[in-house]
């Protein structure tokens, strides 16, 4: 995902988001989804954005990226509480190639 920063006619910073070549209105939700999916955030700055403003924007984006990475790491460390009946649940069973072949033959 690429974010392009520029100033509008009022002097406010605006952001345009690109997914591939498709331009989209900026959305924090879409940006967070992209980060949680492991996408990198590329940034581009219009000449109207000063170096100081670029540094501030970079700091905020870095903080958001770090939080997303921490969240992904925390979510992958969650372990399922196992009960005796879990072994009977087909979606928790570890399947082998033979299991799939047997299923196909039984069709």
Protein backbone atom coordinates (compact mmCIF):
# COMPACT_ATOMS: atom_id res chain seq x y z
CA UNK A 1 0.00 0.00 0.00
CA UNK A 2 1.25 3.44 -0.89
CA UNK A 3 0.30 6.66 0.88
CA UNK A 4 0.79 9.98 -0.90
CA UNK A 5 0.82 13.10 1.28
CA UNK A 6 0.22 16.62 -0.02
CA UNK A 7 -1.28 19.88 1.12
CA UNK A 8 -4.66 21.01 -0.14
CA UNK A 9 -5.60 24.58 -0.99
CA UNK A 10 -6.32 25.31 2.71
CA UNK A 11 -2.82 24.22 3.70
CA UNK A 12 -4.05 21.03 5.38
CA UNK A 13 -2.24 17.76 4.78
CA UNK A 14 -4.28 15.28 2.78
CA UNK A 15 -3.56 11.62 2.12
CA UNK A 16 -4.33 9.55 -0.94
CA UNK A 17 -4.07 5.78 -0.69
CA UNK A 18 -3.05 3.46 -3.53
CA UNK A 19 -3.60 -0.28 -3.59
CA UNK A 20 -1.55 -1.37 -6.55
CA UNK A 21 -2.45 1.22 -9.17
CA UNK A 22 -5.98 1.84 -7.84
CA UNK A 23 -6.44 5.16 -6.06
CA UNK A 24 -8.70 5.13 -3.00
CA UNK A 25 -9.81 7.58 -0.36
CA UNK A 26 -7.59 7.25 2.71
CA UNK A 27 -8.99 5.01 5.44
CA UNK A 28 -7.28 4.20 8.73
CA UNK A 29 -9.21 0.93 8.78
CA UNK A 30 -7.90 -0.13 5.36
CA UNK A 31 -4.38 0.91 6.36
CA UNK A 32 -4.54 -1.18 9.56
CA UNK A 33 -5.98 -4.15 7.63
CA UNK A 34 -3.07 -3.93 5.18
CA UNK A 35 -0.54 -3.79 8.00
CA UNK A 36 -2.12 -6.77 9.77
CA UNK A 37 -1.98 -8.65 6.47
CA UNK A 38 1.77 -8.04 6.42
CA UNK A 39 1.81 -5.36 3.73
CA UNK A 40 4.42 -2.61 3.86
CA UNK A 41 3.47 1.05 3.84
CA UNK A 42 5.22 3.00 1.12
CA UNK A 43 5.09 6.78 1.40
CA UNK A 44 5.50 9.60 -1.02
CA UNK A 45 5.49 13.30 -0.22
CA UNK A 46 4.50 16.20 -2.42
CA UNK A 47 6.96 19.11 -2.46
CA UNK A 48 4.41 21.10 -0.40
CA UNK A 49 5.17 18.88 2.64
CA UNK A 50 8.15 20.23 4.58
CA UNK A 51 10.95 17.99 5.89
CA UNK A 52 9.70 18.61 9.46
CA UNK A 53 6.17 17.53 8.50
CA UNK A 54 7.57 14.46 6.75
CA UNK A 55 9.45 13.54 9.92
CA UNK A 56 6.29 13.93 12.02
CA UNK A 57 4.27 11.82 9.59
CA UNK A 58 7.01 9.17 9.52
CA UNK A 59 7.03 9.04 13.34
CA UNK A 60 3.26 8.52 13.48
CA UNK A 61 3.33 5.85 10.75
CA UNK A 62 6.23 4.06 12.44
CA UNK A 63 4.26 3.96 15.71
CA UNK A 64 1.22 2.55 13.90
CA UNK A 65 3.37 -0.04 12.11
CA UNK A 66 5.03 -1.12 15.37
CA UNK A 67 1.65 -1.49 17.08
CA UNK A 68 0.35 -3.59 14.17
CA UNK A 69 3.43 -5.83 14.33
CA UNK A 70 3.04 -6.24 18.10
CA UNK A 71 -0.63 -7.12 17.63
CA UNK A 72 0.19 -9.72 14.97
CA UNK A 73 2.85 -11.25 17.24
CA UNK A 74 0.50 -11.36 20.22
CA UNK A 75 -2.27 -12.98 18.16
CA UNK A 76 0.01 -15.73 16.85
CA UNK A 77 1.12 -16.62 20.39
CA UNK A 78 -2.43 -17.51 21.51
CA UNK A 79 -2.84 -21.18 22.29
CA UNK A 80 -6.10 -23.05 22.05
CA UNK A 81 -7.41 -24.52 25.32
CA UNK A 82 -7.69 -28.21 24.57
CA UNK A 83 -10.42 -30.43 25.96
CA UNK A 84 -10.86 -34.17 25.68
CA UNK A 85 -13.59 -33.74 23.07
CA UNK A 86 -11.33 -31.63 20.81
CA UNK A 87 -9.84 -34.76 19.25
CA UNK A 88 -13.24 -35.55 17.76
CA UNK A 89 -13.53 -32.20 16.01
CA UNK A 90 -12.54 -32.68 12.36
CA UNK A 91 -11.18 -29.15 11.89
CA UNK A 92 -8.71 -29.62 14.77
CA UNK A 93 -7.47 -33.02 13.63
CA UNK A 94 -4.10 -33.13 11.88
CA UNK A 95 -4.83 -34.65 8.47
CA UNK A 96 -2.39 -36.65 6.41
CA UNK A 97 -2.32 -37.26 2.67
CA UNK A 98 -3.76 -40.75 3.29
CA UNK A 99 -6.71 -39.22 5.15
CA UNK A 100 -7.54 -37.09 2.11
CA UNK A 101 -7.09 -40.02 -0.29
CA UNK A 102 -9.43 -42.16 1.85
CA UNK A 103 -12.02 -39.36 1.87
CA UNK A 104 -11.87 -39.11 -1.92
CA UNK A 105 -12.24 -42.87 -2.34
CA UNK A 106 -15.28 -42.88 -0.07
CA UNK A 107 -17.10 -40.36 -2.29
